C-alpha atoms as a PDB file:
ATOM      1  CA  MET A   1      98.612  92.541  96.748  1.00  0.00           C
ATOM      2  CA  SER A   2      96.984  91.361 100.128  1.00  0.00           C
ATOM      3  CA  ASN A   3      94.671  93.455 101.978  1.00  0.00           C
ATOM      4  CA  GLN A   4      97.011  92.656 104.896  1.00  0.00           C
ATOM      5  CA  ARG A   5      99.561  94.131 103.059  1.00  0.00           C
ATOM      6  CA  LEU A   6      97.698  97.085 101.621  1.00  0.00           C
ATOM      7  CA  ILE A   7      96.857  98.122 105.012  1.00  0.00           C
ATOM      8  CA  HIS A   8     100.223  97.997 106.360  1.00  0.00           C
ATOM      9  CA  LEU A   9     101.692 100.083 103.306  1.00  0.00           C
ATOM     10  CA  LEU A  10      98.887 102.743 103.800  1.00  0.00           C
ATOM     11  CA  VAL A  11      99.894 102.848 107.602  1.00  0.00           C
ATOM     12  CA  THR A  12     103.435 102.722 106.852  1.00  0.00           C
ATOM     13  CA  ILE A  13     103.106 105.576 104.619  1.00  0.00           C
ATOM     14  CA  LEU A  14     101.539 107.889 106.747  1.00  0.00           C
ATOM     15  CA  LEU A  15     103.528 107.724 110.021  1.00  0.00           C
ATOM     16  CA  PHE A  16     106.633 108.005 107.299  1.00  0.00           C
ATOM     17  CA  CYS A  17     104.853 111.270 106.725  1.00  0.00           C
ATOM     18  CA  ALA A  18     104.156 112.103 110.319  1.00  0.00           C
ATOM     19  CA  CYS A  19     107.444 111.574 110.750  1.00  0.00           C
ATOM     20  CA  SER A  20     108.535 113.809 108.002  1.00  0.00           C
ATOM     21  CA  THR A  21     110.398 117.109 109.315  1.00  0.00           C
ATOM     22  CA  GLN A  22     113.067 117.739 106.750  1.00  0.00           C
ATOM     23  CA  LYS A  23     111.958 120.245 103.706  1.00  0.00           C
ATOM     24  CA  ASN A  24     112.200 119.676 100.600  1.00  0.00           C
ATOM     25  CA  ILE A  25     115.587 121.035  99.375  1.00  0.00           C
ATOM     26  CA  VAL A  26     116.141 121.813  95.404  1.00  0.00           C
ATOM     27  CA  SER A  27     119.616 124.120  95.360  1.00  0.00           C
ATOM     28  CA  ASN A  28     121.780 124.322  92.446  1.00  0.00           C
ATOM     29  CA  ASP A  29     124.949 123.954  95.519  1.00  0.00           C
ATOM     30  CA  TYR A  30     125.577 120.807  97.648  1.00  0.00           C
ATOM     31  CA  PRO A  31     123.992 120.695 100.759  1.00  0.00           C
ATOM     32  CA  LYS A  32     126.719 121.739 103.587  1.00  0.00           C
ATOM     33  CA  VAL A  33     127.419 120.190 106.143  1.00  0.00           C
ATOM     34  CA  ASP A  34     127.493 121.689 109.743  1.00  0.00           C
ATOM     35  CA  LYS A  35     131.113 122.458 110.924  1.00  0.00           C
ATOM     36  CA  GLU A  36     130.554 124.049 114.189  1.00  0.00           C
ATOM     37  CA  TYR A  37     132.479 120.392 116.053  1.00  0.00           C
ATOM     38  CA  SER A  38     136.784 120.485 115.171  1.00  0.00           C
ATOM     39  CA  TYR A  39     137.755 117.234 113.392  1.00  0.00           C
ATOM     40  CA  GLN A  40     140.087 115.009 114.134  1.00  0.00           C
ATOM     41  CA  GLY A  41     140.264 112.815 111.240  1.00  0.00           C
ATOM     42  CA  ILE A  42     140.308 114.308 107.810  1.00  0.00           C
ATOM     43  CA  LEU A  43     136.488 114.973 105.835  1.00  0.00           C
ATOM     44  CA  GLU A  44     136.958 115.236 101.710  1.00  0.00           C
ATOM     45  CA  GLU A  45     133.832 115.550  98.901  1.00  0.00           C
ATOM     46  CA  CYS A  46     134.654 112.780  96.422  1.00  0.00           C
ATOM     47  CA  ILE A  47     132.924 112.867  93.213  1.00  0.00           C
ATOM     48  CA  TYR A  48     132.365 110.113  91.131  1.00  0.00           C
ATOM     49  CA  GLU A  49     131.161 109.517  87.516  1.00  0.00           C
ATOM     50  CA  CYS A  50     127.541 107.309  87.737  1.00  0.00           C
ATOM     51  CA  SER A  51     127.655 104.528  85.147  1.00  0.00           C
ATOM     52  CA  VAL A  52     123.271 103.832  84.993  1.00  0.00           C
ATOM     53  CA  GLN A  53     120.725 106.572  83.632  1.00  0.00           C
ATOM     54  CA  GLY A  54     120.050 109.664  85.755  1.00  0.00           C
ATOM     55  CA  PRO A  55     122.689 112.360  86.949  1.00  0.00           C
ATOM     56  CA  LYS A  56     126.479 111.981  85.305  1.00  0.00           C
ATOM     57  CA  GLU A  57     128.200 112.396  88.889  1.00  0.00           C
ATOM     58  CA  ARG A  58     127.324 112.303  92.994  1.00  0.00           C
ATOM     59  CA  ARG A  59     129.418 112.908  95.897  1.00  0.00           C
ATOM     60  CA  MET A  60     129.601 111.218  98.901  1.00  0.00           C
ATOM     61  CA  PHE A  61     131.786 112.460 101.894  1.00  0.00           C
ATOM     62  CA  VAL A  62     135.150 110.075 103.345  1.00  0.00           C
ATOM     63  CA  TYR A  63     136.128 110.671 106.627  1.00  0.00           C
ATOM     64  CA  LEU A  64     139.711 109.153 106.937  1.00  0.00           C
ATOM     65  CA  PRO A  65     142.030 109.056 110.063  1.00  0.00           C
ATOM     66  CA  GLN A  66     144.444 112.075 111.095  1.00  0.00           C
ATOM     67  CA  GLU A  67     147.087 110.766 109.916  1.00  0.00           C
ATOM     68  CA  TYR A  68     146.203 109.294 106.792  1.00  0.00           C
ATOM     69  CA  TYR A  69     148.869 110.969 104.631  1.00  0.00           C
ATOM     70  CA  LEU A  70     151.237 110.986 106.618  1.00  0.00           C
ATOM     71  CA  CYS A  71     151.686 107.001 106.705  1.00  0.00           C
ATOM     72  CA  ASN A  72     151.492 104.143 103.957  1.00  0.00           C
ATOM     73  CA  GLU A  73     148.596 102.335 106.103  1.00  0.00           C
ATOM     74  CA  ARG A  74     145.717 100.665 103.992  1.00  0.00           C
ATOM     75  CA  TYR A  75     142.592 101.162 105.826  1.00  0.00           C
ATOM     76  CA  PRO A  76     138.631  98.804 106.295  1.00  0.00           C
ATOM     77  CA  VAL A  77     135.641 100.589 104.778  1.00  0.00           C
ATOM     78  CA  PHE A  78     132.622 100.762 106.426  1.00  0.00           C
ATOM     79  CA  TYR A  79     129.715 102.658 103.680  1.00  0.00           C
ATOM     80  CA  LEU A  80     126.952 104.965 105.975  1.00  0.00           C
ATOM     81  CA  LEU A  81     124.218 104.861 103.980  1.00  0.00           C
ATOM     82  CA  HIS A  82     121.621 107.287 104.927  1.00  0.00           C
ATOM     83  CA  GLY A  83     117.390 106.657 104.553  1.00  0.00           C
ATOM     84  CA  ALA A  84     114.982 108.894 103.118  1.00  0.00           C
ATOM     85  CA  ARG A  85     114.374 112.909 102.964  1.00  0.00           C
ATOM     86  CA  GLY A  86     118.158 112.407 103.739  1.00  0.00           C
ATOM     87  CA  ASN A  87     121.512 112.893 101.582  1.00  0.00           C
ATOM     88  CA  GLU A  88     125.503 112.408 101.985  1.00  0.00           C
ATOM     89  CA  THR A  89     125.502 114.830 104.335  1.00  0.00           C
ATOM     90  CA  SER A  90     122.478 113.700 107.004  1.00  0.00           C
ATOM     91  CA  TRP A  91     124.917 111.070 109.034  1.00  0.00           C
ATOM     92  CA  ILE A  92     127.128 114.083 109.705  1.00  0.00           C
ATOM     93  CA  ASN A  93     124.734 116.761 110.373  1.00  0.00           C
ATOM     94  CA  LYS A  94     122.107 115.181 112.183  1.00  0.00           C
ATOM     95  CA  GLY A  95     123.610 111.726 113.490  1.00  0.00           C
ATOM     96  CA  LYS A  96     127.272 112.784 115.027  1.00  0.00           C
ATOM     97  CA  LEU A  97     128.055 110.521 113.164  1.00  0.00           C
ATOM     98  CA  ILE A  98     132.042 112.179 113.200  1.00  0.00           C
ATOM     99  CA  GLU A  99     132.219 113.089 117.132  1.00  0.00           C
ATOM    100  CA  ASN A 100     131.210 109.784 118.243  1.00  0.00           C
ATOM    101  CA  ILE A 101     134.303 108.219 115.078  1.00  0.00           C
ATOM    102  CA  ASP A 102     136.406 110.433 116.898  1.00  0.00           C
ATOM    103  CA  SER A 103     135.384 109.688 120.279  1.00  0.00           C
ATOM    104  CA  LEU A 104     134.953 105.690 120.008  1.00  0.00           C
ATOM    105  CA  THR A 105     138.780 105.289 118.373  1.00  0.00           C
ATOM    106  CA  SER A 106     140.361 108.334 120.559  1.00  0.00           C
ATOM    107  CA  ASN A 107     139.363 105.978 123.686  1.00  0.00           C
ATOM    108  CA  GLY A 108     140.240 103.161 121.683  1.00  0.00           C
ATOM    109  CA  LEU A 109     136.818 100.958 121.137  1.00  0.00           C
ATOM    110  CA  MET A 110     137.066 101.545 117.778  1.00  0.00           C
ATOM    111  CA  LYS A 111     139.296 100.395 114.996  1.00  0.00           C
ATOM    112  CA  LYS A 112     140.628 103.795 112.928  1.00  0.00           C
ATOM    113  CA  CYS A 113     139.170 102.551 109.333  1.00  0.00           C
ATOM    114  CA  ILE A 114     137.984 104.916 105.626  1.00  0.00           C
ATOM    115  CA  ILE A 115     134.104 106.411 106.460  1.00  0.00           C
ATOM    116  CA  VAL A 116     132.398 106.435 103.326  1.00  0.00           C
ATOM    117  CA  LEU A 117     128.953 108.232 103.024  1.00  0.00           C
ATOM    118  CA  PRO A 118     127.250 108.104  99.630  1.00  0.00           C
ATOM    119  CA  ASN A 119     124.066 109.378  98.220  1.00  0.00           C
ATOM    120  CA  THR A 120     122.034 106.678  97.493  1.00  0.00           C
ATOM    121  CA  ASN A 121     118.681 108.855  96.387  1.00  0.00           C
ATOM    122  CA  GLN A 122     117.067 107.254  93.556  1.00  0.00           C
ATOM    123  CA  HIS A 123     116.873 110.217  90.564  1.00  0.00           C
ATOM    124  CA  GLU A 124     116.318 110.183  86.994  1.00  0.00           C
ATOM    125  CA  ASP A 125     117.869 112.955  86.103  1.00  0.00           C
ATOM    126  CA  ASP A 126     120.134 116.078  86.176  1.00  0.00           C
ATOM    127  CA  GLU A 127     117.824 117.938  87.016  1.00  0.00           C
ATOM    128  CA  ASP A 128     115.680 115.729  89.380  1.00  0.00           C
ATOM    129  CA  TYR A 129     119.023 115.605  91.027  1.00  0.00           C
ATOM    130  CA  GLY A 130     119.765 118.797  91.757  1.00  0.00           C
ATOM    131  CA  LYS A 131     123.368 119.021  93.543  1.00  0.00           C
ATOM    132  CA  SER A 132     121.608 116.125  95.928  1.00  0.00           C
ATOM    133  CA  ARG A 133     118.062 117.186  96.616  1.00  0.00           C
ATOM    134  CA  ILE A 134     117.333 115.823  99.328  1.00  0.00           C
ATOM    135  CA  LYS A 135     113.599 114.341  98.491  1.00  0.00           C
ATOM    136  CA  GLY A 136     110.154 113.708 100.452  1.00  0.00           C
ATOM    137  CA  ALA A 137     109.433 111.021 102.481  1.00  0.00           C
ATOM    138  CA  VAL A 138     106.301 109.571 100.046  1.00  0.00           C
ATOM    139  CA  GLU A 139     108.709 110.255  96.333  1.00  0.00           C
ATOM    140  CA  SER A 140     112.056 108.365  98.169  1.00  0.00           C
ATOM    141  CA  PHE A 141     109.379 105.623  99.497  1.00  0.00           C
ATOM    142  CA  PHE A 142     108.409 104.889  95.451  1.00  0.00           C
ATOM    143  CA  GLU A 143     110.735 105.389  93.728  1.00  0.00           C
ATOM    144  CA  ASN A 144     113.200 102.931  94.126  1.00  0.00           C
ATOM    145  CA  ASP A 145     114.073 100.845  91.119  1.00  0.00           C
ATOM    146  CA  GLY A 146     116.943  98.955  91.690  1.00  0.00           C
ATOM    147  CA  ARG A 147     119.643 102.136  89.607  1.00  0.00           C
ATOM    148  CA  VAL A 148     121.642 103.278  92.661  1.00  0.00           C
ATOM    149  CA  GLU A 149     121.417  99.789  93.726  1.00  0.00           C
ATOM    150  CA  TYR A 150     122.651  98.215  90.584  1.00  0.00           C
ATOM    151  CA  SER A 151     125.454 100.351  90.548  1.00  0.00           C
ATOM    152  CA  PHE A 152     126.809 100.508  94.028  1.00  0.00           C
ATOM    153  CA  ILE A 153     129.786  98.373  93.475  1.00  0.00           C
ATOM    154  CA  ASN A 154     131.051  99.502  90.183  1.00  0.00           C
ATOM    155  CA  ASP A 155     130.520 103.393  90.966  1.00  0.00           C
ATOM    156  CA  VAL A 156     131.148 103.672  94.673  1.00  0.00           C
ATOM    157  CA  VAL A 157     133.112 100.380  95.706  1.00  0.00           C
ATOM    158  CA  LYS A 158     135.589 100.378  92.612  1.00  0.00           C
ATOM    159  CA  LYS A 159     135.482 104.479  93.509  1.00  0.00           C
ATOM    160  CA  ILE A 160     136.743 104.253  96.700  1.00  0.00           C
ATOM    161  CA  ASP A 161     139.062 100.881  96.071  1.00  0.00           C
ATOM    162  CA  ASN A 162     140.898 102.828  93.360  1.00  0.00           C
ATOM    163  CA  THR A 163     141.309 105.745  95.225  1.00  0.00           C
ATOM    164  CA  TYR A 164     141.920 105.301  98.617  1.00  0.00           C
ATOM    165  CA  ARG A 165     144.553 102.729 100.739  1.00  0.00           C
ATOM    166  CA  THR A 166     142.134 100.625 101.883  1.00  0.00           C
ATOM    167  CA  ILE A 167     142.161  96.661 102.733  1.00  0.00           C
ATOM    168  CA  PRO A 168     139.837  95.406  99.177  1.00  0.00           C
ATOM    169  CA  GLU A 169     138.964  92.146 101.558  1.00  0.00           C
ATOM    170  CA  LYS A 170     134.956  91.245 102.444  1.00  0.00           C
ATOM    171  CA  ASN A 171     136.048  91.567 106.002  1.00  0.00           C
ATOM    172  CA  SER A 172     137.856  94.405 105.225  1.00  0.00           C
ATOM    173  CA  ARG A 173     134.414  96.010 104.712  1.00  0.00           C
ATOM    174  CA  ALA A 174     131.431  97.038 106.061  1.00  0.00           C
ATOM    175  CA  ILE A 175     127.611  98.484 105.097  1.00  0.00           C
ATOM    176  CA  ALA A 176     125.660  99.878 107.175  1.00  0.00           C
ATOM    177  CA  GLY A 177     122.192 101.730 106.720  1.00  0.00           C
ATOM    178  CA  LEU A 178     118.645 103.430 108.543  1.00  0.00           C
ATOM    179  CA  SER A 179     115.624 102.977 106.305  1.00  0.00           C
ATOM    180  CA  ILE A 180     115.554 102.649 103.179  1.00  0.00           C
ATOM    181  CA  GLY A 181     119.361 103.005 103.802  1.00  0.00           C
ATOM    182  CA  ALA A 182     119.191  99.679 105.654  1.00  0.00           C
ATOM    183  CA  LEU A 183     116.644  98.428 102.941  1.00  0.00           C
ATOM    184  CA  GLN A 184     119.834  99.067 100.114  1.00  0.00           C
ATOM    185  CA  SER A 185     121.777  97.793 102.456  1.00  0.00           C
ATOM    186  CA  LEU A 186     120.227  94.498 102.712  1.00  0.00           C
ATOM    187  CA  HIS A 187     119.815  93.790  99.453  1.00  0.00           C
ATOM    188  CA  ILE A 188     123.765  94.892  98.239  1.00  0.00           C
ATOM    189  CA  SER A 189     125.064  92.792 100.414  1.00  0.00           C
ATOM    190  CA  ALA A 190     122.507  89.694  99.428  1.00  0.00           C
ATOM    191  CA  THR A 191     123.735  90.510  95.673  1.00  0.00           C
ATOM    192  CA  HIS A 192     127.438  90.322  96.859  1.00  0.00           C
ATOM    193  CA  PRO A 193     128.030  88.369  99.569  1.00  0.00           C
ATOM    194  CA  ASP A 194     131.913  88.269  98.503  1.00  0.00           C
ATOM    195  CA  ILE A 195     132.018  92.577  99.318  1.00  0.00           C
ATOM    196  CA  PHE A 196     130.953  92.997 102.868  1.00  0.00           C
ATOM    197  CA  GLY A 197     131.859  90.973 105.708  1.00  0.00           C
ATOM    198  CA  TYR A 198     130.229  93.099 108.508  1.00  0.00           C
ATOM    199  CA  ILE A 199     126.019  93.834 107.819  1.00  0.00           C
ATOM    200  CA  GLY A 200     124.344  96.461 110.155  1.00  0.00           C
ATOM    201  CA  LEU A 201     120.901  97.059 109.521  1.00  0.00           C
ATOM    202  CA  PHE A 202     118.619  99.972 111.663  1.00  0.00           C
ATOM    203  CA  SER A 203     115.116 100.244 111.190  1.00  0.00           C
ATOM    204  CA  PRO A 204     115.122  98.104 108.014  1.00  0.00           C
ATOM    205  CA  MET A 205     112.213  98.343 105.307  1.00  0.00           C
ATOM    206  CA  VAL A 206     112.019  94.933 104.838  1.00  0.00           C
ATOM    207  CA  THR A 207     109.808  95.103 102.031  1.00  0.00           C
ATOM    208  CA  PRO A 208     110.485  97.101  99.059  1.00  0.00           C
ATOM    209  CA  PHE A 209     108.131  98.561  96.346  1.00  0.00           C
ATOM    210  CA  VAL A 210     109.534  98.499  93.981  1.00  0.00           C
ATOM    211  CA  LYS A 211     109.554 100.832  90.251  1.00  0.00           C
ATOM    212  CA  HIS A 212     109.835  98.946  87.725  1.00  0.00           C
ATOM    213  CA  SER A 213     113.277  99.331  85.244  1.00  0.00           C
ATOM    214  CA  GLU A 214     115.583  97.714  83.939  1.00  0.00           C
ATOM    215  CA  HIS A 215     117.400  97.572  87.126  1.00  0.00           C
ATOM    216  CA  SER A 216     114.161  96.225  88.990  1.00  0.00           C
ATOM    217  CA  SER A 217     115.200  92.697  88.973  1.00  0.00           C
ATOM    218  CA  PHE A 218     118.084  93.450  91.611  1.00  0.00           C
ATOM    219  CA  PHE A 219     115.280  93.583  94.486  1.00  0.00           C
ATOM    220  CA  LYS A 220     114.348  89.867  93.400  1.00  0.00           C
ATOM    221  CA  LYS A 221     115.226  86.518  94.266  1.00  0.00           C
ATOM    222  CA  LEU A 222     116.342  87.707  98.051  1.00  0.00           C
ATOM    223  CA  LYS A 223     115.406  84.143  99.117  1.00  0.00           C
ATOM    224  CA  LYS A 224     118.208  82.352  96.590  1.00  0.00           C
ATOM    225  CA  LYS A 225     120.686  85.161  97.144  1.00  0.00           C
ATOM    226  CA  GLN A 226     120.290  84.671 100.877  1.00  0.00           C
ATOM    227  CA  ARG A 227     121.498  81.209 101.164  1.00  0.00           C
ATOM    228  CA  ILE A 228     124.508  81.561  99.403  1.00  0.00           C
ATOM    229  CA  GLN A 229     125.485  84.821 101.352  1.00  0.00           C
ATOM    230  CA  PHE A 230     124.458  82.871 104.945  1.00  0.00           C
ATOM    231  CA  ALA A 231     126.156  79.684 103.454  1.00  0.00           C
ATOM    232  CA  THR A 232     129.866  81.473 104.233  1.00  0.00           C
ATOM    233  CA  PRO A 233     128.361  83.516 107.064  1.00  0.00           C
ATOM    234  CA  PRO A 234     129.185  87.490 107.893  1.00  0.00           C
ATOM    235  CA  GLU A 235     131.230  88.335 110.408  1.00  0.00           C
ATOM    236  CA  LEU A 236     128.205  90.030 111.772  1.00  0.00           C
ATOM    237  CA  TYR A 237     124.903  90.934 110.135  1.00  0.00           C
ATOM    238  CA  TRP A 238     123.106  92.832 113.213  1.00  0.00           C
ATOM    239  CA  ILE A 239     119.437  93.616 113.081  1.00  0.00           C
ATOM    240  CA  MET A 240     118.730  97.145 114.954  1.00  0.00           C
ATOM    241  CA  ILE A 241     114.951  97.944 115.462  1.00  0.00           C
ATOM    242  CA  GLY A 242     112.758 100.382 117.826  1.00  0.00           C
ATOM    243  CA  LYS A 243     109.951  98.169 119.481  1.00  0.00           C
ATOM    244  CA  THR A 244     107.351 101.595 118.908  1.00  0.00           C
ATOM    245  CA  ASP A 245     108.801 101.881 114.965  1.00  0.00           C
ATOM    246  CA  PHE A 246     106.373 101.444 112.715  1.00  0.00           C
ATOM    247  CA  PHE A 247     108.633  98.460 110.797  1.00  0.00           C
ATOM    248  CA  TYR A 248     108.649  96.807 113.545  1.00  0.00           C
ATOM    249  CA  PRO A 249     105.988  93.680 113.340  1.00  0.00           C
ATOM    250  CA  ARG A 250     107.475  93.157 109.797  1.00  0.00           C
ATOM    251  CA  ILE A 251     111.485  93.384 111.397  1.00  0.00           C
ATOM    252  CA  ARG A 252     110.087  90.884 114.213  1.00  0.00           C
ATOM    253  CA  SER A 253     109.038  88.653 110.919  1.00  0.00           C
ATOM    254  CA  TYR A 254     112.487  89.122 109.390  1.00  0.00           C
ATOM    255  CA  HIS A 255     113.623  88.108 111.935  1.00  0.00           C
ATOM    256  CA  LYS A 256     112.071  85.121 112.651  1.00  0.00           C
ATOM    257  CA  TYR A 257     112.652  83.755 109.296  1.00  0.00           C
ATOM    258  CA  LEU A 258     116.802  83.786 109.371  1.00  0.00           C
ATOM    259  CA  GLU A 259     115.852  82.018 112.748  1.00  0.00           C
ATOM    260  CA  ARG A 260     113.621  79.462 111.176  1.00  0.00           C
ATOM    261  CA  ASN A 261     116.781  79.305 108.589  1.00  0.00           C
ATOM    262  CA  GLY A 262     119.602  79.285 110.381  1.00  0.00           C
ATOM    263  CA  TYR A 263     121.048  81.813 109.015  1.00  0.00           C
ATOM    264  CA  LYS A 264     123.311  83.435 112.267  1.00  0.00           C
ATOM    265  CA  HIS A 265     122.167  86.655 112.872  1.00  0.00           C
ATOM    266  CA  GLU A 266     122.115  89.478 115.985  1.00  0.00           C
ATOM    267  CA  TYR A 267     118.577  91.053 116.697  1.00  0.00           C
ATOM    268  CA  TYR A 268     118.315  94.038 119.063  1.00  0.00           C
ATOM    269  CA  VAL A 269     115.490  95.527 120.012  1.00  0.00           C
ATOM    270  CA  SER A 270     115.460  98.731 121.635  1.00  0.00           C
ATOM    271  CA  SER A 271     112.768 101.739 122.922  1.00  0.00           C
ATOM    272  CA  GLY A 272     111.523 104.106 120.951  1.00  0.00           C
ATOM    273  CA  GLY A 273     110.629 104.332 117.078  1.00  0.00           C
ATOM    274  CA  HIS A 274     112.086 105.442 113.719  1.00  0.00           C
ATOM    275  CA  GLN A 275     113.799 108.385 114.999  1.00  0.00           C
ATOM    276  CA  TRP A 276     117.297 110.260 115.099  1.00  0.00           C
ATOM    277  CA  TYR A 277     118.585 109.236 118.884  1.00  0.00           C
ATOM    278  CA  ASN A 278     118.002 105.393 117.640  1.00  0.00           C
ATOM    279  CA  TRP A 279     119.899 105.529 114.962  1.00  0.00           C
ATOM    280  CA  GLU A 280     123.175 107.286 116.621  1.00  0.00           C
ATOM    281  CA  ASP A 281     122.885 104.563 119.113  1.00  0.00           C
ATOM    282  CA  TYR A 282     122.525 102.006 116.126  1.00  0.00           C
ATOM    283  CA  SER A 283     125.727 103.510 114.613  1.00  0.00           C
ATOM    284  CA  ILE A 284     127.994 103.465 117.919  1.00  0.00           C
ATOM    285  CA  MET A 285     126.569 100.136 118.580  1.00  0.00           C
ATOM    286  CA  PHE A 286     127.888  99.352 115.377  1.00  0.00           C
ATOM    287  CA  MET A 287     131.133 100.466 114.828  1.00  0.00           C
ATOM    288  CA  LYS A 288     132.097  99.266 118.063  1.00  0.00           C
ATOM    289  CA  ARG A 289     131.799  95.990 117.018  1.00  0.00           C
ATOM    290  CA  LEU A 290     133.161  96.104 113.621  1.00  0.00           C
ATOM    291  CA  TRP A 291     136.917  94.808 112.662  1.00  0.00           C
ATOM    292  CA  LYS A 292     137.136  92.911 115.560  1.00  0.00           C
END
């Protein structure tokens, strides 16, 4: 590892930990969703089996249009991933996601769709999983080993397509995430260029620090994968970052790399840093552009 990258890593870890206000939670019960807001749509829990080593099952939340069970219509699907120190409740409890979806759809600013909120933390086994326990910043930072990402299509996407009335086509699927969730979205979409037509990277951690496993190669050969991905470019590939975000220098370099290669994408720089007020804004902006 070069001295420059080592310094960047150490600074990032310190800043990452400094931004953490979330305590670890280990419980026999799944974390709960705050229920102060009266949803216009239908929020469902979906428990699914895992196909790789680790927990036997995981939970995700699925938000359906209000009329879902009153019609036979099929819907596009938006997969939204959390970051470190988060789980499948984070976008609801911290990002005001459902309130924002309801506002956008009721005002005609967003096409109705199915929203999927999976748990994409890495866990070694059922005990470590602790029913969706929230992991610490450093723990999350260094535990990516490709298993969750490798199994995402088989475990999450296929489960949703087999359970709900989706439109199982590339341009009717979107994936986005914040921080490490954006890193996962970047690599999942590049590895499966025929699956996702809309990609959103919110304050992305572009360079993974991968823990070795049988699936850690998932994060390799990104440039080769992206040559295929951008040969038939996504409908939308949008990078969003705050100017005081500690990932900003890396993201600016990534943006320039995409530009040099003629890869169609959009790049948005806001004020502020690695914080929920930015991620909420980014998610609203991204959702307004879906399915256009």
